[in-house]
């Protein structure tokens, strides 16, 4: 035996070992248990519980221990941890403690699916499940986002000015260059170019060309914003993101650039899977894609229109009457980045109720059920119709 306090070691018989409760040298209690430390985050608390009690407690009885290890974490974090048990995600991980690496990776996907089916935001579901797997010591991690294509550096304007301010010579040249780009983009599109087209401060791709107009969407996410500032029932017509895109965001373009953006009547149909009203049609210069449009312009699979609900079961996507989204061979084309990291992005369509808005996840899966409208982690990919006339 060994005393942790004084470091003394000695040999004892089985009976003496069972009856000996104090160190014979320093009298320190041998039955004294290590006192838990307090942690201010769930990741460290989960790792400490695993170290002290093992996987059986981590995946079986954690609700009686977690508050002691992380007393000061927010209620939302505690709810997220408890959701792992309440929605059987912990059971999925527990059943794969001795599984192969491939089976563990599939179990992680299923565990995340359990949480998202309980209407937990996918990013949060992933975060907490990977915290559990880190505590377990599993060598699993989020799939790496696709490599970013090499981009040529471009000069981007960083200053704004009022019409009453005198324009510096350098800014005049920059504005003139942008105006030439606004004119030149039409020529490039008519010549067949569809990707990485410079317009304003962003790179764009062409989704469709109709006569003298082209439907454009940014190559990547331009910023993160909630669909609506407050958690309340909204439609595209009433949400704050629409107000921002057709207000402050639109003003980031020069006058000539804004003149190339066509004001368009935007249809806002109901959510086909859940019957949630899409609201009135709107007149917008800048907008987001709808569920129907994201399906049409990224592969045209028809999965949304055909109401093909799908769920992840045992690592495979299968037809399911309660499925919340669709995944297909075109997922990779819907994957985009924000500041060099994979990120999910909003659609304008309603989700499973009027407090939710549909979105495309970081892995390209279209979530028809949606996320809470006040979620500020959603990416914005503006779209507009560009006038191709000279």
Protein backbone atom coordinates (compact mmCIF):
# COMPACT_ATOMS: atom_id res chain seq x y z
CA UNK A 1 0.00 0.00 0.00
CA UNK A 2 1.01 3.64 -0.35
CA UNK A 3 0.12 6.80 1.55
CA UNK A 4 -0.54 9.71 -0.77
CA UNK A 5 0.34 12.23 1.93
CA UNK A 6 3.74 11.07 3.18
CA UNK A 7 4.66 8.74 0.33
CA UNK A 8 5.35 5.75 2.58
CA UNK A 9 4.92 2.28 1.05
CA UNK A 10 4.43 -1.07 2.76
CA UNK A 11 3.19 -4.57 2.12
CA UNK A 12 0.20 -6.02 3.91
CA UNK A 13 -1.84 -9.16 3.79
CA UNK A 14 -5.32 -9.11 2.34
CA UNK A 15 -7.09 -8.98 5.71
CA UNK A 16 -4.87 -6.18 7.04
CA UNK A 17 -5.30 -4.25 3.81
CA UNK A 18 -9.08 -4.36 4.19
CA UNK A 19 -9.00 -3.29 7.87
CA UNK A 20 -6.24 -0.67 7.67
CA UNK A 21 -7.88 2.78 7.49
CA UNK A 22 -4.97 5.10 8.40
CA UNK A 23 -1.32 5.35 7.41
CA UNK A 24 0.84 3.69 10.15
CA UNK A 25 3.47 6.39 9.69
CA UNK A 26 1.65 9.75 9.43
CA UNK A 27 -1.87 8.66 10.48
CA UNK A 28 -3.43 10.11 7.33
CA UNK A 29 -6.78 8.52 6.51
CA UNK A 30 -6.43 5.99 3.71
CA UNK A 31 -10.12 6.04 2.94
CA UNK A 32 -10.27 9.77 2.33
CA UNK A 33 -11.55 10.51 -1.14
CA UNK A 34 -10.32 13.27 -3.35
CA UNK A 35 -12.54 16.32 -3.05
CA UNK A 36 -13.99 17.46 -6.36
CA UNK A 37 -12.76 20.72 -7.78
CA UNK A 38 -15.06 23.37 -9.19
CA UNK A 39 -15.01 24.15 -12.90
CA UNK A 40 -16.49 27.05 -14.82
CA UNK A 41 -17.17 25.10 -18.02
CA UNK A 42 -18.79 21.81 -18.93
CA UNK A 43 -15.81 20.37 -20.83
CA UNK A 44 -13.43 20.40 -17.85
CA UNK A 45 -16.17 19.26 -15.48
CA UNK A 46 -17.00 16.25 -17.65
CA UNK A 47 -13.32 15.31 -17.91
CA UNK A 48 -12.95 15.53 -14.10
CA UNK A 49 -16.03 13.35 -13.51
CA UNK A 50 -14.67 10.78 -15.94
CA UNK A 51 -11.31 10.76 -14.17
CA UNK A 52 -12.82 10.38 -10.71
CA UNK A 53 -15.77 8.07 -11.34
CA UNK A 54 -15.31 6.49 -14.76
CA UNK A 55 -17.52 6.01 -17.82
CA UNK A 56 -20.36 4.30 -15.97
CA UNK A 57 -21.05 7.46 -13.98
CA UNK A 58 -20.25 9.84 -16.85
CA UNK A 59 -22.81 8.11 -19.06
CA UNK A 60 -25.19 6.87 -16.42
CA UNK A 61 -25.52 8.95 -13.26
CA UNK A 62 -24.01 12.29 -14.16
CA UNK A 63 -27.01 14.40 -13.17
CA UNK A 64 -26.24 13.74 -9.50
CA UNK A 65 -22.59 14.79 -9.86
CA UNK A 66 -22.39 17.51 -12.50
CA UNK A 67 -23.80 20.33 -10.29
CA UNK A 68 -21.07 19.61 -7.70
CA UNK A 69 -18.29 19.90 -10.27
CA UNK A 70 -19.71 22.87 -12.18
CA UNK A 71 -21.92 24.84 -9.78
CA UNK A 72 -21.50 28.17 -11.56
CA UNK A 73 -22.15 27.21 -15.19
CA UNK A 74 -25.29 28.70 -16.72
CA UNK A 75 -28.67 27.00 -16.58
CA UNK A 76 -28.57 26.61 -20.35
CA UNK A 77 -25.31 24.66 -20.17
CA UNK A 78 -26.71 22.41 -17.45
CA UNK A 79 -29.83 21.80 -19.52
CA UNK A 80 -27.65 20.91 -22.50
CA UNK A 81 -25.66 18.40 -20.44
CA UNK A 82 -28.82 16.83 -19.01
CA UNK A 83 -30.33 16.64 -22.49
CA UNK A 84 -27.65 14.09 -23.37
CA UNK A 85 -29.31 11.73 -20.87
CA UNK A 86 -32.91 12.74 -21.37
CA UNK A 87 -32.74 12.05 -25.12
CA UNK A 88 -30.76 8.77 -24.96
CA UNK A 89 -27.61 10.23 -26.50
CA UNK A 90 -25.63 9.02 -23.45
CA UNK A 91 -27.03 5.53 -23.93
CA UNK A 92 -25.81 5.50 -27.54
CA UNK A 93 -22.28 6.40 -26.40
CA UNK A 94 -22.40 3.90 -23.52
CA UNK A 95 -23.35 1.07 -25.86
CA UNK A 96 -20.20 1.75 -27.89
CA UNK A 97 -17.59 2.00 -25.12
CA UNK A 98 -15.85 -1.15 -26.41
CA UNK A 99 -16.69 -0.62 -30.07
CA UNK A 100 -14.34 -0.13 -32.99
CA UNK A 101 -13.25 3.31 -34.15
CA UNK A 102 -15.68 3.21 -37.06
CA UNK A 103 -18.58 2.23 -34.79
CA UNK A 104 -17.68 5.00 -32.35
CA UNK A 105 -17.72 7.57 -35.14
CA UNK A 106 -21.16 6.34 -36.21
CA UNK A 107 -22.33 6.45 -32.58
CA UNK A 108 -21.27 10.09 -32.32
CA UNK A 109 -23.39 10.98 -35.36
CA UNK A 110 -26.37 9.13 -33.91
CA UNK A 111 -25.93 10.84 -30.52
CA UNK A 112 -25.86 14.25 -32.19
CA UNK A 113 -28.95 13.25 -34.15
CA UNK A 114 -30.76 12.38 -30.90
CA UNK A 115 -30.23 15.93 -29.67
CA UNK A 116 -31.14 17.68 -32.91
CA UNK A 117 -34.35 15.64 -33.06
CA UNK A 118 -35.11 17.16 -29.65
CA UNK A 119 -34.85 20.58 -31.33
CA UNK A 120 -31.40 21.42 -29.97
CA UNK A 121 -29.42 23.64 -32.34
CA UNK A 122 -26.98 21.42 -34.32
CA UNK A 123 -23.87 23.43 -33.36
CA UNK A 124 -24.73 23.08 -29.66
CA UNK A 125 -25.56 19.39 -30.05
CA UNK A 126 -22.21 18.75 -31.69
CA UNK A 127 -20.30 20.74 -29.09
CA UNK A 128 -21.69 18.87 -26.08
CA UNK A 129 -21.36 15.41 -27.65
CA UNK A 130 -17.74 16.07 -28.56
CA UNK A 131 -17.11 17.24 -25.00
CA UNK A 132 -18.40 13.88 -23.78
CA UNK A 133 -16.24 11.96 -26.26
CA UNK A 134 -13.20 14.01 -25.26
CA UNK A 135 -13.83 13.06 -21.62
CA UNK A 136 -14.10 9.41 -22.65
CA UNK A 137 -10.80 9.67 -24.48
CA UNK A 138 -12.28 8.77 -27.85
CA UNK A 139 -10.20 9.85 -30.82
CA UNK A 140 -13.06 11.41 -32.73
CA UNK A 141 -13.49 14.97 -33.89
CA UNK A 142 -15.58 17.10 -36.19
CA UNK A 143 -15.06 16.35 -39.88
CA UNK A 144 -12.61 18.79 -41.38
CA UNK A 145 -14.23 21.37 -43.65
CA UNK A 146 -13.34 21.12 -47.34
CA UNK A 147 -10.10 22.90 -48.30
CA UNK A 148 -10.61 26.52 -49.20
CA UNK A 149 -9.87 27.35 -52.83
CA UNK A 150 -6.91 29.59 -53.47
CA UNK A 151 -8.07 33.17 -53.85
CA UNK A 152 -6.26 36.05 -55.41
CA UNK A 153 -5.94 39.01 -53.06
CA UNK A 154 -8.28 41.86 -53.86
CA UNK A 155 -8.43 45.39 -52.62
CA UNK A 156 -11.59 45.96 -50.61
CA UNK A 157 -12.94 49.32 -49.51
CA UNK A 158 -12.88 49.77 -45.75
CA UNK A 159 -14.24 53.29 -45.38
CA UNK A 160 -17.64 54.86 -45.84
CA UNK A 161 -18.45 58.51 -46.38
CA UNK A 162 -21.45 60.78 -46.65
CA UNK A 163 -22.25 62.58 -49.90
CA UNK A 164 -21.26 65.88 -48.29
CA UNK A 165 -17.72 64.73 -47.53
CA UNK A 166 -14.93 65.53 -49.97
CA UNK A 167 -13.62 62.33 -51.53
CA UNK A 168 -9.88 61.68 -51.33
CA UNK A 169 -8.12 60.87 -54.61
CA UNK A 170 -7.35 57.31 -53.52
CA UNK A 171 -10.98 56.64 -52.66
CA UNK A 172 -12.08 58.11 -55.98
CA UNK A 173 -9.89 55.62 -57.83
CA UNK A 174 -11.23 52.79 -55.70
CA UNK A 175 -14.85 53.78 -56.31
CA UNK A 176 -14.18 54.07 -60.05
CA UNK A 177 -12.62 50.60 -60.03
CA UNK A 178 -15.67 49.18 -58.28
CA UNK A 179 -18.01 50.86 -60.75
CA UNK A 180 -16.03 49.34 -63.62
CA UNK A 181 -16.36 45.96 -61.90
CA UNK A 182 -20.13 46.49 -61.61
CA UNK A 183 -20.26 46.97 -65.37
CA UNK A 184 -17.75 44.23 -66.19
CA UNK A 185 -19.51 41.51 -64.19
CA UNK A 186 -22.37 41.46 -66.68
CA UNK A 187 -19.92 40.83 -69.52
CA UNK A 188 -18.25 38.00 -67.59
CA UNK A 189 -21.59 36.33 -66.91
CA UNK A 190 -22.73 36.62 -70.54
CA UNK A 191 -19.41 35.03 -71.52
CA UNK A 192 -20.21 32.04 -69.32
CA UNK A 193 -18.36 32.71 -66.07
CA UNK A 194 -20.39 31.64 -63.01
CA UNK A 195 -18.05 31.46 -60.00
CA UNK A 196 -15.98 33.89 -57.91
CA UNK A 197 -17.34 37.01 -59.58
CA UNK A 198 -16.36 40.24 -57.85
CA UNK A 199 -19.22 42.62 -57.07
CA UNK A 200 -18.92 45.17 -54.30
CA UNK A 201 -16.75 43.76 -51.52
CA UNK A 202 -17.76 40.14 -52.03
CA UNK A 203 -17.32 37.16 -54.34
CA UNK A 204 -20.50 35.82 -55.94
CA UNK A 205 -21.72 32.82 -57.92
CA UNK A 206 -24.42 32.67 -60.57
CA UNK A 207 -27.41 30.43 -59.81
CA UNK A 208 -29.52 31.22 -62.87
CA UNK A 209 -29.60 33.51 -65.90
CA UNK A 210 -32.94 34.70 -67.28
CA UNK A 211 -32.90 37.01 -70.28
CA UNK A 212 -31.23 40.19 -69.02
CA UNK A 213 -30.91 39.20 -65.34
CA UNK A 214 -28.82 36.79 -63.26
CA UNK A 215 -29.58 35.38 -59.82
CA UNK A 216 -26.50 35.83 -57.60
CA UNK A 217 -25.50 34.47 -54.19
CA UNK A 218 -22.29 35.02 -52.23
CA UNK A 219 -19.69 32.27 -52.50
CA UNK A 220 -19.32 32.24 -48.71
CA UNK A 221 -20.99 33.62 -45.62
CA UNK A 222 -20.52 37.36 -45.28
CA UNK A 223 -21.43 37.67 -41.59
CA UNK A 224 -23.36 36.04 -38.74
CA UNK A 225 -26.71 37.43 -37.64
CA UNK A 226 -29.95 36.15 -36.12
CA UNK A 227 -32.92 35.72 -38.43
CA UNK A 228 -34.77 37.94 -35.99
CA UNK A 229 -33.39 39.89 -33.04
CA UNK A 230 -36.12 38.64 -30.67
CA UNK A 231 -37.37 35.12 -30.12
CA UNK A 232 -40.89 35.50 -31.42
CA UNK A 233 -43.13 34.31 -34.24
CA UNK A 234 -42.01 35.97 -37.50
CA UNK A 235 -42.01 35.56 -41.26
CA UNK A 236 -39.51 36.75 -43.85
CA UNK A 237 -41.64 39.87 -44.31
CA UNK A 238 -41.35 40.87 -40.62
CA UNK A 239 -37.89 39.58 -39.61
CA UNK A 240 -35.05 41.95 -38.73
CA UNK A 241 -32.61 40.22 -41.09
CA UNK A 242 -34.68 41.30 -44.09
CA UNK A 243 -34.70 44.88 -42.79
CA UNK A 244 -30.93 44.82 -42.37
CA UNK A 245 -30.18 43.35 -45.80
CA UNK A 246 -32.34 45.92 -47.60
CA UNK A 247 -31.06 48.74 -45.39
CA UNK A 248 -27.56 48.92 -43.93
CA UNK A 249 -26.18 46.02 -45.96
CA UNK A 250 -27.47 47.43 -49.26
CA UNK A 251 -25.79 50.75 -48.46
CA UNK A 252 -22.38 49.03 -48.49
CA UNK A 253 -22.58 49.05 -52.29
CA UNK A 254 -21.81 52.11 -54.38
CA UNK A 255 -24.59 53.99 -56.12
CA UNK A 256 -23.78 52.39 -59.46
CA UNK A 257 -23.65 48.94 -57.88
CA UNK A 258 -27.03 49.46 -56.23
CA UNK A 259 -28.37 50.51 -59.62
CA UNK A 260 -27.47 47.08 -61.00
CA UNK A 261 -29.46 45.29 -58.27
CA UNK A 262 -33.06 44.65 -59.35
CA UNK A 263 -35.91 45.08 -56.90
CA UNK A 264 -37.82 41.82 -57.17
CA UNK A 265 -41.12 40.41 -55.96
CA UNK A 266 -40.16 37.60 -53.60
CA UNK A 267 -42.57 34.70 -53.11
CA UNK A 268 -42.77 33.30 -49.58
CA UNK A 269 -44.63 29.98 -49.76
CA UNK A 270 -45.53 27.88 -46.75
CA UNK A 271 -43.18 25.21 -45.42
CA UNK A 272 -44.28 22.12 -47.41
CA UNK A 273 -43.34 19.62 -44.72
CA UNK A 274 -44.93 21.31 -41.73
CA UNK A 275 -47.52 23.64 -43.29
CA UNK A 276 -46.15 26.73 -41.52
CA UNK A 277 -47.18 30.01 -43.25
CA UNK A 278 -44.41 31.75 -45.17
CA UNK A 279 -46.11 35.14 -44.98
CA UNK A 280 -46.87 37.73 -47.62
CA UNK A 281 -44.82 38.24 -50.77
CA UNK A 282 -42.24 41.02 -50.47
CA UNK A 283 -40.45 43.49 -52.72
CA UNK A 284 -36.71 43.16 -52.02
CA UNK A 285 -33.39 44.02 -53.56
CA UNK A 286 -31.49 41.65 -51.25
CA UNK A 287 -32.95 38.41 -49.93
CA UNK A 288 -32.13 34.86 -48.82
CA UNK A 289 -32.90 31.68 -50.72
CA UNK A 290 -36.01 29.69 -49.85
CA UNK A 291 -36.21 25.93 -49.19
CA UNK A 292 -37.51 25.37 -52.71
CA UNK A 293 -34.74 27.49 -54.22
CA UNK A 294 -31.87 25.91 -52.27
CA UNK A 295 -33.06 22.50 -53.45
CA UNK A 296 -33.47 23.71 -57.03
CA UNK A 297 -30.23 25.64 -57.44
CA UNK A 298 -28.01 23.18 -55.58
CA UNK A 299 -28.59 19.96 -57.47
CA UNK A 300 -32.31 20.18 -58.33
CA UNK A 301 -32.92 16.85 -56.58
CA UNK A 302 -36.59 17.53 -55.88
CA UNK A 303 -36.15 16.16 -52.36
CA UNK A 304 -37.89 19.12 -50.74
CA UNK A 305 -40.80 19.36 -53.17
CA UNK A 306 -41.41 15.62 -52.95
CA UNK A 307 -41.57 15.90 -49.15
CA UNK A 308 -38.98 13.18 -48.69
CA UNK A 309 -38.34 13.34 -44.96
CA UNK A 310 -35.12 11.71 -43.80
CA UNK A 311 -33.53 10.87 -40.45
CA UNK A 312 -30.14 9.57 -39.43
CA UNK A 313 -30.47 6.06 -38.00
CA UNK A 314 -27.43 3.96 -37.13
CA UNK A 315 -25.27 6.21 -39.24
CA UNK A 316 -27.45 6.00 -42.35
CA UNK A 317 -29.99 8.43 -43.82
CA UNK A 318 -33.33 6.69 -44.26
CA UNK A 319 -36.89 7.74 -45.16
CA UNK A 320 -38.80 8.64 -42.02
CA UNK A 321 -42.23 10.18 -41.46
CA UNK A 322 -40.84 12.49 -38.77
CA UNK A 323 -37.60 13.38 -40.56
CA UNK A 324 -36.48 16.96 -40.17
CA UNK A 325 -34.27 17.56 -43.21
CA UNK A 326 -32.81 16.13 -46.37
CA UNK A 327 -29.35 15.08 -47.41
CA UNK A 328 -28.14 14.04 -50.85
CA UNK A 329 -25.18 13.99 -53.20
CA UNK A 330 -25.27 17.80 -53.43
CA UNK A 331 -24.51 18.45 -49.74
CA UNK A 332 -20.90 19.31 -50.53
CA UNK A 333 -21.98 22.06 -52.94
CA UNK A 334 -24.00 23.68 -50.15
CA UNK A 335 -21.05 23.76 -47.72
CA UNK A 336 -19.58 27.22 -47.12
CA UNK A 337 -17.28 29.03 -44.71
CA UNK A 338 -17.15 32.02 -42.48
CA UNK A 339 -13.67 33.32 -41.53
CA UNK A 340 -12.16 30.11 -42.86
CA UNK A 341 -14.39 27.79 -40.79
CA UNK A 342 -17.37 25.74 -41.91
CA UNK A 343 -20.65 27.35 -40.85
CA UNK A 344 -24.40 26.92 -41.28
CA UNK A 345 -26.52 29.51 -43.09
CA UNK A 346 -30.09 30.81 -42.99
CA UNK A 347 -32.84 30.35 -45.55
CA UNK A 348 -35.83 32.70 -45.63
CA UNK A 349 -38.45 29.95 -45.30
CA UNK A 350 -40.17 29.17 -41.98
CA UNK A 351 -39.23 26.01 -40.11
CA UNK A 352 -41.34 23.58 -38.09
CA UNK A 353 -43.16 26.49 -36.45
CA UNK A 354 -43.19 30.29 -36.71
CA UNK A 355 -40.43 30.58 -34.10
CA UNK A 356 -38.04 28.63 -36.34
CA UNK A 357 -36.42 29.40 -39.70
CA UNK A 358 -35.00 26.83 -42.10
CA UNK A 359 -31.24 26.63 -42.68
CA UNK A 360 -28.41 24.70 -44.33
CA UNK A 361 -26.02 23.09 -41.85
CA UNK A 362 -22.23 23.30 -42.07
CA UNK A 363 -22.15 19.83 -43.69
CA UNK A 364 -24.63 20.85 -46.41
CA UNK A 365 -27.69 19.09 -44.99
CA UNK A 366 -30.88 21.14 -45.40
CA UNK A 367 -32.75 21.43 -42.10
CA UNK A 368 -36.39 21.91 -43.07
CA UNK A 369 -37.41 21.95 -39.39
CA UNK A 370 -35.08 24.89 -38.78
CA UNK A 371 -33.44 26.68 -35.86
CA UNK A 372 -34.65 29.31 -33.39
CA UNK A 373 -34.99 32.65 -35.19
CA UNK A 374 -32.99 34.45 -32.47
CA UNK A 375 -29.96 32.17 -32.88
CA UNK A 376 -27.07 34.55 -33.60
CA UNK A 377 -24.78 31.80 -34.89
CA UNK A 378 -26.42 31.63 -38.29
CA UNK A 379 -24.52 32.69 -41.37
CA UNK A 380 -25.87 35.11 -43.98
CA UNK A 381 -25.54 34.43 -47.72
CA UNK A 382 -27.26 37.35 -49.46
CA UNK A 383 -28.82 36.83 -52.88
CA UNK A 384 -30.09 39.27 -55.51
CA UNK A 385 -31.02 39.58 -59.18
CA UNK A 386 -28.37 41.41 -61.20
CA UNK A 387 -29.29 43.56 -64.20
CA UNK A 388 -27.19 42.38 -67.13
CA UNK A 389 -28.09 45.27 -69.40
CA UNK A 390 -25.32 47.75 -70.11
